[in-house]
């Protein structure tokens, strides 16, 4: 069968599938009863949380957190990336930028077909979505790290993306790196130490999809990193970064604010289990593993993307067993906080991906708008700022 004939067959098959889905979808729509919620399209701040002024002391280090920027254009340069670069350029030697995954939509770094010897124009435009993010470092001179998301892994591997980032670093002289990644090895957690902060990088998509042996190996590595960091850098804030959040109040937690999207996800669920939603068992394994690892006597923040909104959560409530232990030993309260002290969701670096968001009892802040977050580490504590794509300061608070 020729390639042309094969493509024709595939188009016909897709058309038949579309017809079947349309019939099934119509039947499903007649009985669709999913709750549709109100979104926080303007900032929600919990009543007991106070916004603060800019601290007067100088920050030891700053970290910009941007997620899900994989639709960004290089020409013209995407507004949110340009703003982040401008901010990072103010103190490039004391600033880290972390891109929180889904660096290229929809199927990650393009793969060459068997008959291809070079990338076509459409593929080059996809690669420029990655270059647009790398340019934040090239322009600002601040270091930039990219962690992989599920869409990056839809290329069936992330080696080509990681190698592109490494080549960009060599050619452009930009301090950029893809983390965690070592060619031909499992992507186990990695860490870098900076003034006042230790940044851990996790490949959460790999953790969701790997077998139990690989998962346990990664959790052991994470615990080793945490133990050594507490010993060698006891005063550092620990900032763990990955693509998938532990807490969220968006579509990945089945909190829907749009009926058509809710219907689409229910339709998908008829044919497969959406492994990118937090109720899925492999995702629950990730949440349990991270909460167990992050339950340490340290200042620890977990930052993720995946959900296309901006959210701040406080620590999860203790389990019944933890509460019983607190009665027996009240001094262990800090060590027995479940998981990270705070969890950040910053996955709204592009307006095309912004989705509705709600709040729960642990939500300190939430808004459905394009933007990103900035952590500033001071001797007296850490602040988080939520910044819109237009440069507006939407919220600032202490995380301590």
Protein backbone atom coordinates (compact mmCIF):
# COMPACT_ATOMS: atom_id res chain seq x y z
CA UNK A 1 0.00 0.00 0.00
CA UNK A 2 1.39 3.40 -0.97
CA UNK A 3 1.77 6.19 1.55
CA UNK A 4 -0.97 8.16 -0.22
CA UNK A 5 -3.36 5.20 -0.03
CA UNK A 6 -2.46 4.61 3.61
CA UNK A 7 -3.22 8.23 4.47
CA UNK A 8 -6.56 7.94 2.66
CA UNK A 9 -7.41 4.85 4.67
CA UNK A 10 -6.49 6.59 7.92
CA UNK A 11 -8.65 9.60 7.05
CA UNK A 12 -11.58 7.28 6.33
CA UNK A 13 -11.02 5.46 9.61
CA UNK A 14 -10.93 8.76 11.50
CA UNK A 15 -14.16 9.85 9.80
CA UNK A 16 -15.88 6.61 10.86
CA UNK A 17 -14.63 7.05 14.41
CA UNK A 18 -15.94 10.63 14.38
CA UNK A 19 -19.38 9.39 13.31
CA UNK A 20 -19.43 6.76 16.06
CA UNK A 21 -18.33 9.29 18.64
CA UNK A 22 -21.00 11.70 17.45
CA UNK A 23 -23.72 9.07 17.88
CA UNK A 24 -22.43 7.98 21.27
CA UNK A 25 -21.93 11.61 22.27
CA UNK A 26 -25.48 12.53 21.38
CA UNK A 27 -26.83 9.68 23.47
CA UNK A 28 -24.56 10.63 26.36
CA UNK A 29 -25.54 14.29 26.16
CA UNK A 30 -29.17 13.36 26.66
CA UNK A 31 -28.32 11.90 30.08
CA UNK A 32 -25.39 14.18 31.01
CA UNK A 33 -25.79 15.39 34.59
CA UNK A 34 -22.31 16.62 35.56
CA UNK A 35 -22.23 19.58 37.95
CA UNK A 36 -20.97 22.82 36.39
CA UNK A 37 -19.34 25.27 38.78
CA UNK A 38 -18.52 28.96 38.92
CA UNK A 39 -14.92 29.90 38.10
CA UNK A 40 -12.75 32.42 39.93
CA UNK A 41 -12.07 34.63 36.93
CA UNK A 42 -11.11 37.37 39.39
CA UNK A 43 -8.75 36.59 42.27
CA UNK A 44 -10.07 34.57 45.19
CA UNK A 45 -8.17 35.09 48.47
CA UNK A 46 -9.17 33.22 51.62
CA UNK A 47 -10.48 35.51 54.33
CA UNK A 48 -7.63 34.87 56.77
CA UNK A 49 -4.87 35.51 54.22
CA UNK A 50 -3.35 38.97 54.13
CA UNK A 51 -1.63 40.48 51.12
CA UNK A 52 1.67 42.08 52.11
CA UNK A 53 3.92 44.88 50.88
CA UNK A 54 7.30 44.24 49.31
CA UNK A 55 9.76 43.23 52.09
CA UNK A 56 12.47 45.83 52.65
CA UNK A 57 15.37 43.39 52.89
CA UNK A 58 17.11 42.04 49.77
CA UNK A 59 16.13 38.59 48.57
CA UNK A 60 18.76 35.85 48.70
CA UNK A 61 17.31 34.23 45.59
CA UNK A 62 14.27 34.46 43.32
CA UNK A 63 12.52 31.71 41.36
CA UNK A 64 10.05 32.34 38.53
CA UNK A 65 7.54 29.53 37.98
CA UNK A 66 5.82 29.21 34.60
CA UNK A 67 3.91 26.20 33.38
CA UNK A 68 2.23 24.91 30.24
CA UNK A 69 3.81 27.45 27.89
CA UNK A 70 3.91 25.00 24.98
CA UNK A 71 1.78 27.12 22.66
CA UNK A 72 4.10 30.14 22.87
CA UNK A 73 5.37 31.83 19.73
CA UNK A 74 8.92 33.01 19.14
CA UNK A 75 7.93 35.65 16.55
CA UNK A 76 6.23 37.62 17.91
CA UNK A 77 7.65 36.65 21.27
CA UNK A 78 4.91 35.59 23.65
CA UNK A 79 4.04 38.40 26.05
CA UNK A 80 4.21 36.37 29.27
CA UNK A 81 7.64 34.98 28.42
CA UNK A 82 8.93 38.45 27.57
CA UNK A 83 7.67 39.73 30.92
CA UNK A 84 9.31 36.87 32.80
CA UNK A 85 12.58 37.53 30.97
CA UNK A 86 12.41 41.22 31.86
CA UNK A 87 11.92 40.35 35.54
CA UNK A 88 14.71 37.75 35.54
CA UNK A 89 17.11 40.25 33.92
CA UNK A 90 16.96 42.50 36.99
CA UNK A 91 19.03 40.04 39.06
CA UNK A 92 20.11 37.27 36.67
CA UNK A 93 22.83 35.94 38.97
CA UNK A 94 20.31 35.46 41.79
CA UNK A 95 17.36 34.18 39.74
CA UNK A 96 16.21 30.78 38.51
CA UNK A 97 13.39 30.25 36.02
CA UNK A 98 11.58 26.91 36.07
CA UNK A 99 9.29 25.89 33.21
CA UNK A 100 6.87 23.38 34.73
CA UNK A 101 6.23 21.10 31.76
CA UNK A 102 4.13 20.73 28.62
CA UNK A 103 6.83 22.66 26.83
CA UNK A 104 5.51 21.77 23.36
CA UNK A 105 1.84 21.14 22.61
CA UNK A 106 0.35 18.79 21.59
CA UNK A 107 2.64 15.83 20.98
CA UNK A 108 5.94 17.10 22.33
CA UNK A 109 9.15 17.50 20.34
CA UNK A 110 8.41 16.41 16.74
CA UNK A 111 9.76 13.09 15.55
CA UNK A 112 11.16 12.68 12.04
CA UNK A 113 9.25 10.22 9.88
CA UNK A 114 11.20 7.37 8.31
CA UNK A 115 11.42 9.13 4.95
CA UNK A 116 12.38 12.50 6.50
CA UNK A 117 15.95 13.76 6.68
CA UNK A 118 15.11 17.18 8.07
CA UNK A 119 12.23 18.90 9.84
CA UNK A 120 9.48 20.46 7.74
CA UNK A 121 8.12 23.97 8.32
CA UNK A 122 5.28 22.84 10.57
CA UNK A 123 7.68 20.87 12.76
CA UNK A 124 10.09 23.80 12.94
CA UNK A 125 7.25 26.00 14.17
CA UNK A 126 6.60 23.48 16.95
CA UNK A 127 10.28 23.52 17.91
CA UNK A 128 10.13 27.32 18.06
CA UNK A 129 7.58 26.96 20.86
CA UNK A 130 10.42 25.49 22.88
CA UNK A 131 12.88 28.11 21.63
CA UNK A 132 10.51 30.85 22.79
CA UNK A 133 10.90 29.57 26.35
CA UNK A 134 14.65 29.10 26.06
CA UNK A 135 14.93 32.70 24.90
CA UNK A 136 13.91 33.80 28.43
CA UNK A 137 17.36 32.71 29.55
CA UNK A 138 19.16 33.95 26.45
CA UNK A 139 17.75 37.45 26.88
CA UNK A 140 17.88 37.71 30.69
CA UNK A 141 21.09 35.71 31.34
CA UNK A 142 19.31 33.94 34.22
CA UNK A 143 19.45 30.16 34.47
CA UNK A 144 16.41 28.28 33.18
CA UNK A 145 15.29 24.72 33.85
CA UNK A 146 12.60 22.79 31.97
CA UNK A 147 10.84 19.79 33.49
CA UNK A 148 8.79 17.48 31.24
CA UNK A 149 5.02 17.20 31.24
CA UNK A 150 2.61 14.65 29.83
CA UNK A 151 2.42 16.40 26.45
CA UNK A 152 6.21 16.30 26.17
CA UNK A 153 6.08 12.54 26.71
CA UNK A 154 3.41 12.14 24.02
CA UNK A 155 6.37 12.14 21.64
CA UNK A 156 7.03 8.69 23.25
CA UNK A 157 10.36 9.99 24.52
CA UNK A 158 11.88 13.26 25.73
CA UNK A 159 15.44 12.64 24.57
CA UNK A 160 15.14 14.82 21.47
CA UNK A 161 13.75 17.72 23.48
CA UNK A 162 16.47 17.37 26.11
CA UNK A 163 19.16 17.17 23.42
CA UNK A 164 17.78 20.29 21.74
CA UNK A 165 17.99 22.14 25.05
CA UNK A 166 21.58 20.99 25.53
CA UNK A 167 22.51 22.07 22.00
CA UNK A 168 20.85 25.45 22.57
CA UNK A 169 22.94 25.92 25.70
CA UNK A 170 26.14 25.22 23.77
CA UNK A 171 25.35 27.32 20.71
CA UNK A 172 23.69 30.28 22.41
CA UNK A 173 25.77 30.24 25.58
CA UNK A 174 22.56 30.26 27.63
CA UNK A 175 22.37 28.56 31.07
CA UNK A 176 19.47 26.25 30.18
CA UNK A 177 18.94 22.58 31.04
CA UNK A 178 16.28 19.88 30.86
CA UNK A 179 15.72 18.25 34.25
CA UNK A 180 15.72 15.50 35.33
CA UNK A 181 17.35 13.82 32.37
CA UNK A 182 20.39 11.66 31.65
CA UNK A 183 20.46 9.93 28.27
CA UNK A 184 19.68 6.20 28.38
CA UNK A 185 18.90 6.35 32.10
CA UNK A 186 15.75 6.55 34.16
CA UNK A 187 14.75 10.16 34.94
CA UNK A 188 15.27 9.99 38.69
CA UNK A 189 14.92 13.18 40.78
CA UNK A 190 17.73 15.75 40.64
CA UNK A 191 18.58 18.78 42.78
CA UNK A 192 20.52 22.03 42.57
CA UNK A 193 21.46 24.18 45.55
CA UNK A 194 21.35 27.97 45.46
CA UNK A 195 21.56 30.72 48.08
CA UNK A 196 18.68 30.06 50.46
CA UNK A 197 16.93 27.46 48.28
CA UNK A 198 17.41 23.91 47.04
CA UNK A 199 15.41 23.14 43.88
CA UNK A 200 14.36 19.54 43.21
CA UNK A 201 13.25 18.44 39.74
CA UNK A 202 10.78 15.58 39.20
CA UNK A 203 9.54 13.89 36.03
CA UNK A 204 6.01 13.27 37.26
CA UNK A 205 4.71 11.92 33.95
CA UNK A 206 7.32 9.18 34.06
CA UNK A 207 6.42 8.54 37.70
CA UNK A 208 2.76 8.11 36.75
CA UNK A 209 3.49 5.67 33.92
CA UNK A 210 6.48 3.67 35.19
CA UNK A 211 6.19 0.29 36.88
CA UNK A 212 6.36 -0.13 40.65
CA UNK A 213 10.07 -0.94 40.62
CA UNK A 214 10.90 2.31 38.81
CA UNK A 215 8.55 4.28 41.04
CA UNK A 216 10.09 2.90 44.24
CA UNK A 217 13.58 3.61 42.92
CA UNK A 218 12.60 7.24 42.24
CA UNK A 219 11.02 7.66 45.69
CA UNK A 220 14.18 6.26 47.31
CA UNK A 221 16.25 8.75 45.33
CA UNK A 222 13.93 11.60 46.38
CA UNK A 223 14.24 10.65 50.04
CA UNK A 224 18.03 10.52 49.70
CA UNK A 225 18.03 14.03 48.19
CA UNK A 226 15.83 15.35 51.00
CA UNK A 227 17.99 13.75 53.69
CA UNK A 228 21.26 15.07 52.25
CA UNK A 229 19.76 18.53 51.69
CA UNK A 230 18.56 18.74 55.29
CA UNK A 231 22.05 17.75 56.46
CA UNK A 232 24.16 19.88 54.11
CA UNK A 233 21.83 22.87 53.60
CA UNK A 234 19.68 22.93 56.76
CA UNK A 235 18.65 26.58 56.37
CA UNK A 236 17.55 26.28 52.74
CA UNK A 237 13.96 26.36 51.58
CA UNK A 238 13.28 23.12 49.67
CA UNK A 239 11.40 23.80 46.44
CA UNK A 240 10.28 20.62 44.67
CA UNK A 241 9.10 21.09 41.09
CA UNK A 242 7.21 18.83 38.72
CA UNK A 243 4.38 18.97 36.20
CA UNK A 244 1.50 17.32 38.05
CA UNK A 245 -0.04 19.00 41.12
CA UNK A 246 -0.92 17.23 44.35
CA UNK A 247 -3.89 19.48 45.02
CA UNK A 248 -5.98 21.33 42.45
CA UNK A 249 -9.47 22.71 42.04
CA UNK A 250 -9.65 22.60 38.27
CA UNK A 251 -10.74 20.17 35.52
CA UNK A 252 -8.07 17.61 36.46
CA UNK A 253 -9.91 17.25 39.78
CA UNK A 254 -13.22 17.03 37.88
CA UNK A 255 -14.08 20.58 38.92
CA UNK A 256 -15.70 21.76 35.72
CA UNK A 257 -16.71 25.30 34.89
CA UNK A 258 -17.41 24.63 31.23
CA UNK A 259 -20.16 22.22 30.16
CA UNK A 260 -18.64 21.37 26.78
CA UNK A 261 -15.27 20.47 28.33
CA UNK A 262 -16.96 18.41 31.04
CA UNK A 263 -18.95 16.57 28.39
CA UNK A 264 -15.79 15.95 26.34
CA UNK A 265 -13.97 14.46 29.35
CA UNK A 266 -16.94 12.26 30.21
CA UNK A 267 -16.98 11.08 26.61
CA UNK A 268 -13.27 10.27 26.74
CA UNK A 269 -13.92 8.38 29.96
CA UNK A 270 -16.27 6.03 28.13
CA UNK A 271 -13.35 4.64 26.15
CA UNK A 272 -10.35 5.07 28.44
CA UNK A 273 -9.34 6.05 31.94
CA UNK A 274 -7.96 9.63 31.85
CA UNK A 275 -4.61 9.08 33.56
CA UNK A 276 -4.01 12.82 33.79
CA UNK A 277 -6.75 13.37 36.38
CA UNK A 278 -6.00 13.05 40.07
CA UNK A 279 -8.59 10.33 40.76
CA UNK A 280 -6.76 7.90 38.46
CA UNK A 281 -4.93 5.14 40.44
CA UNK A 282 -1.43 5.79 38.96
CA UNK A 283 -1.87 9.51 39.72
CA UNK A 284 -3.01 8.62 43.25
CA UNK A 285 0.16 6.56 43.64
CA UNK A 286 2.16 9.67 42.71
CA UNK A 287 0.27 11.82 45.22
CA UNK A 288 0.74 9.29 48.03
CA UNK A 289 4.43 8.86 47.26
CA UNK A 290 5.13 12.59 47.16
CA UNK A 291 3.14 13.29 50.32
CA UNK A 292 5.05 10.56 52.15
CA UNK A 293 8.41 11.87 50.92
CA UNK A 294 7.56 15.52 51.61
CA UNK A 295 6.45 14.84 55.20
CA UNK A 296 9.72 16.05 56.69
CA UNK A 297 10.76 18.59 59.29
CA UNK A 298 11.71 21.30 56.81
CA UNK A 299 10.32 24.29 54.95
CA UNK A 300 9.14 22.62 51.76
CA UNK A 301 7.09 23.95 48.84
CA UNK A 302 5.88 21.91 45.88
CA UNK A 303 5.28 23.75 42.59
CA UNK A 304 3.56 22.27 39.53
CA UNK A 305 1.69 23.16 36.37
CA UNK A 306 -0.72 20.87 34.44
CA UNK A 307 -3.81 22.74 35.62
CA UNK A 308 -4.16 25.91 33.56
CA UNK A 309 -4.75 28.37 36.37
CA UNK A 310 -2.90 29.96 39.28
CA UNK A 311 -3.50 28.42 42.71
CA UNK A 312 -1.89 28.44 46.18
CA UNK A 313 -2.71 25.71 48.71
CA UNK A 314 -1.68 25.20 52.31
CA UNK A 315 -0.61 21.78 53.57
CA UNK A 316 -3.06 18.91 53.56
CA UNK A 317 -4.77 18.13 56.85
CA UNK A 318 -3.16 15.40 58.98
CA UNK A 319 -4.50 11.87 58.78
CA UNK A 320 -6.22 10.28 61.76
CA UNK A 321 -3.01 8.42 62.65
CA UNK A 322 -0.99 11.64 62.49
CA UNK A 323 -3.47 13.45 64.74
CA UNK A 324 -3.22 10.63 67.27
CA UNK A 325 0.58 10.92 67.21
CA UNK A 326 0.31 14.69 67.82
CA UNK A 327 -1.65 14.07 71.01
CA UNK A 328 1.16 11.82 72.23
CA UNK A 329 3.96 14.16 71.10
CA UNK A 330 2.82 17.77 70.42
CA UNK A 331 6.38 18.89 69.63
CA UNK A 332 6.24 16.75 66.48
CA UNK A 333 3.59 18.98 64.90
CA UNK A 334 5.88 20.42 62.18
CA UNK A 335 7.30 17.03 61.26
CA UNK A 336 3.82 15.54 61.03
CA UNK A 337 2.37 18.09 58.62
CA UNK A 338 1.19 16.00 55.69
CA UNK A 339 3.33 16.64 52.61
CA UNK A 340 4.60 20.03 51.49
CA UNK A 341 3.92 23.09 53.64
CA UNK A 342 2.54 24.87 50.58
CA UNK A 343 1.62 23.76 47.09
CA UNK A 344 1.65 26.06 44.08
CA UNK A 345 -0.07 25.51 40.74
CA UNK A 346 1.32 27.79 38.04
CA UNK A 347 0.18 26.35 34.73
CA UNK A 348 -1.25 29.43 33.02
CA UNK A 349 1.66 30.79 31.00
CA UNK A 350 -0.45 30.93 27.84
CA UNK A 351 -3.96 32.33 27.42
CA UNK A 352 -5.02 29.52 25.08
CA UNK A 353 -4.76 27.05 27.94
CA UNK A 354 -6.41 28.99 30.78
CA UNK A 355 -9.25 26.98 32.36
CA UNK A 356 -11.72 27.59 35.16
CA UNK A 357 -10.79 27.14 38.81
CA UNK A 358 -12.57 26.88 42.14
CA UNK A 359 -11.43 26.60 45.74
CA UNK A 360 -11.51 24.17 48.65
CA UNK A 361 -10.71 24.49 52.35
CA UNK A 362 -6.96 24.42 51.68
CA UNK A 363 -7.04 27.07 48.92
CA UNK A 364 -5.35 30.33 49.88
CA UNK A 365 -5.53 31.93 46.43
CA UNK A 366 -6.99 31.04 43.05
CA UNK A 367 -7.60 32.77 39.74
CA UNK A 368 -8.21 31.70 36.15
CA UNK A 369 -6.04 34.07 34.17
CA UNK A 370 -2.78 34.01 32.23
CA UNK A 371 0.29 34.65 34.35
CA UNK A 372 2.96 33.10 36.55
CA UNK A 373 4.41 33.11 40.07
CA UNK A 374 7.57 34.41 41.66
CA UNK A 375 9.14 33.10 44.86
CA UNK A 376 11.51 35.40 46.73
CA UNK A 377 13.63 33.85 49.45
CA UNK A 378 14.53 36.27 52.26
CA UNK A 379 16.46 35.64 55.48
CA UNK A 380 13.15 36.03 57.36
CA UNK A 381 11.06 33.81 55.07
CA UNK A 382 9.68 33.29 51.56
CA UNK A 383 7.11 35.31 49.66
CA UNK A 384 5.06 34.31 46.65
CA UNK A 385 3.81 36.80 44.09
CA UNK A 386 1.13 36.05 41.51
CA UNK A 387 1.68 38.17 38.39
CA UNK A 388 -0.62 38.53 35.40
CA UNK A 389 0.57 38.49 31.80
CA UNK A 390 0.14 42.27 31.80
CA UNK A 391 2.53 42.66 34.72
CA UNK A 392 -0.16 43.31 37.34
CA UNK A 393 0.59 42.09 40.86
CA UNK A 394 -2.50 40.04 41.68
CA UNK A 395 -1.37 38.80 45.09
CA UNK A 396 1.61 38.65 47.44
CA UNK A 397 1.88 36.74 50.72
CA UNK A 398 4.33 35.07 53.06
CA UNK A 399 4.83 31.32 52.83
CA UNK A 400 6.06 30.51 56.33
